[in-house]
Protein backbone atom coordinates (compact mmCIF):
# COMPACT_ATOMS: atom_id res chain seq x y z
CA MET A 1 -5.00 79.72 133.23
CA ALA A 2 -4.78 77.14 130.43
CA GLU A 3 -5.84 79.71 127.84
CA GLU A 4 -3.05 82.08 128.92
CA LYS A 5 -0.51 79.26 128.63
CA ASN A 6 -1.71 78.41 125.10
CA THR A 7 -1.54 82.08 124.15
CA SER A 8 1.99 82.29 125.53
CA ASN A 9 2.97 79.15 123.59
CA ASP A 10 1.39 80.57 120.43
CA LEU A 11 3.37 83.80 120.88
CA GLU A 12 6.61 81.88 121.39
CA LEU A 13 5.91 79.76 118.31
CA LYS A 14 5.04 82.85 116.28
CA GLU A 15 8.35 84.45 117.30
CA ALA A 16 10.20 81.28 116.22
CA VAL A 17 8.32 81.33 112.90
CA VAL A 18 9.32 84.97 112.34
CA ARG A 19 12.97 84.07 113.03
CA ALA A 20 12.72 81.22 110.50
CA ILE A 21 11.17 83.53 107.90
CA LYS A 22 13.90 86.13 108.45
CA ASN A 23 16.39 83.59 107.06
CA VAL A 24 14.73 83.83 103.63
CA TYR A 25 15.92 86.49 101.20
CA ASP A 26 14.73 87.61 97.80
CA PRO A 27 17.75 86.61 95.69
CA GLU A 28 17.84 90.05 94.06
CA ILE A 29 17.46 92.12 97.24
CA PRO A 30 19.84 92.00 100.26
CA VAL A 31 16.98 92.18 102.80
CA ASP A 32 14.98 89.29 104.28
CA VAL A 33 11.39 88.81 103.11
CA TYR A 34 9.96 89.68 106.54
CA GLU A 35 11.65 93.09 106.65
CA LEU A 36 10.70 93.64 103.00
CA GLY A 37 7.06 93.50 104.13
CA LEU A 38 6.18 90.44 102.06
CA ILE A 39 4.57 88.65 105.03
CA TYR A 40 0.98 89.81 105.55
CA GLU A 41 -0.12 87.34 108.26
CA ILE A 42 1.22 84.54 110.43
CA ASN A 43 -1.53 82.48 112.02
CA ILE A 44 -1.05 79.69 114.54
CA PHE A 45 -3.95 77.23 114.60
CA PRO A 46 -4.58 74.37 117.07
CA VAL A 47 -1.95 71.68 117.33
CA ASN A 48 0.73 74.12 116.08
CA ASN A 49 -0.41 74.35 112.47
CA VAL A 50 1.08 77.47 110.87
CA HIS A 51 -0.51 79.48 108.06
CA VAL A 52 1.47 82.26 106.38
CA LEU A 53 -0.18 84.74 104.04
CA MET A 54 2.39 86.52 101.93
CA THR A 55 2.97 88.37 98.71
CA LEU A 56 5.84 88.84 96.30
CA THR A 57 7.36 92.06 95.03
CA SER A 58 5.65 91.43 91.68
CA PRO A 59 3.38 88.77 90.12
CA ALA A 60 6.19 88.22 87.59
CA CYS A 61 8.79 87.65 90.33
CA PRO A 62 11.37 85.16 89.01
CA SER A 63 11.53 83.57 92.49
CA ALA A 64 7.75 83.09 92.78
CA GLU A 65 8.08 79.38 93.56
CA GLU A 66 11.41 79.46 95.34
CA ILE A 67 10.62 82.02 98.08
CA PRO A 68 7.35 80.48 99.41
CA GLY A 69 8.95 77.02 99.29
CA GLU A 70 11.96 78.18 101.27
CA ILE A 71 9.69 79.85 103.85
CA GLU A 72 7.70 76.63 104.22
CA LYS A 73 10.88 74.54 104.53
CA ASN A 74 12.36 76.82 107.21
CA ILE A 75 9.15 76.77 109.27
CA ARG A 76 8.80 72.98 108.95
CA GLU A 77 12.28 72.63 110.49
CA LEU A 78 10.93 74.02 113.79
CA LYS A 79 10.32 71.01 116.02
CA GLU A 80 7.20 72.58 117.56
CA VAL A 81 5.41 72.90 114.20
CA ASN A 82 2.91 70.28 113.12
CA ASP A 83 2.01 71.51 109.63
CA VAL A 84 2.66 74.57 107.43
CA THR A 85 0.68 76.27 104.68
CA VAL A 86 2.13 79.22 102.76
CA GLU A 87 -0.42 81.13 100.71
CA VAL A 88 0.59 83.78 98.17
CA THR A 89 -1.74 86.69 97.42
CA PHE A 90 -1.45 89.89 95.44
CA ASP A 91 -4.27 91.64 97.28
CA PRO A 92 -3.24 94.16 98.37
CA PRO A 93 -0.43 94.56 95.85
CA TYR A 94 3.07 95.00 97.24
CA ALA A 95 4.42 98.52 97.65
CA THR A 96 7.76 99.70 99.05
CA ASP A 97 6.01 101.46 101.94
CA MET A 98 5.39 97.95 103.38
CA MET A 99 9.12 97.65 104.17
CA SER A 100 10.41 98.05 107.69
CA GLU A 101 12.47 101.15 108.43
CA SER A 102 15.64 99.04 108.59
CA ALA A 103 14.91 97.59 105.13
CA LYS A 104 14.33 101.08 103.74
CA LEU A 105 17.64 102.21 105.23
CA GLU A 106 19.48 99.16 103.88
CA LEU A 107 18.12 99.76 100.38
CA GLY A 108 18.62 103.55 100.42
CA PHE A 109 14.94 104.51 100.53
CA MET A 110 15.53 106.80 103.54
């Protein structure tokens, strides 16, 4: 039973983390970074440590420091979170097919 409770807590925390991430926007695109498909992984480790693996739309993104920092700040504001690490990768490289359907609609890709 304890394992199920921890899993349930991890799922609830992950949902809260996703909500926090959805408040971060690329300044040049009117869609949040989660719906843009920039978030590759969200991992919850023991004692509510959060690791986010993400990418940017381009290695030359002018907001390369701003976006990961804002994601980290928003997640740290969740009272359940102990620590946060945001890691940026370009493998695999970002492509527009990583966007959610709603993001594609918003940006006129559909």
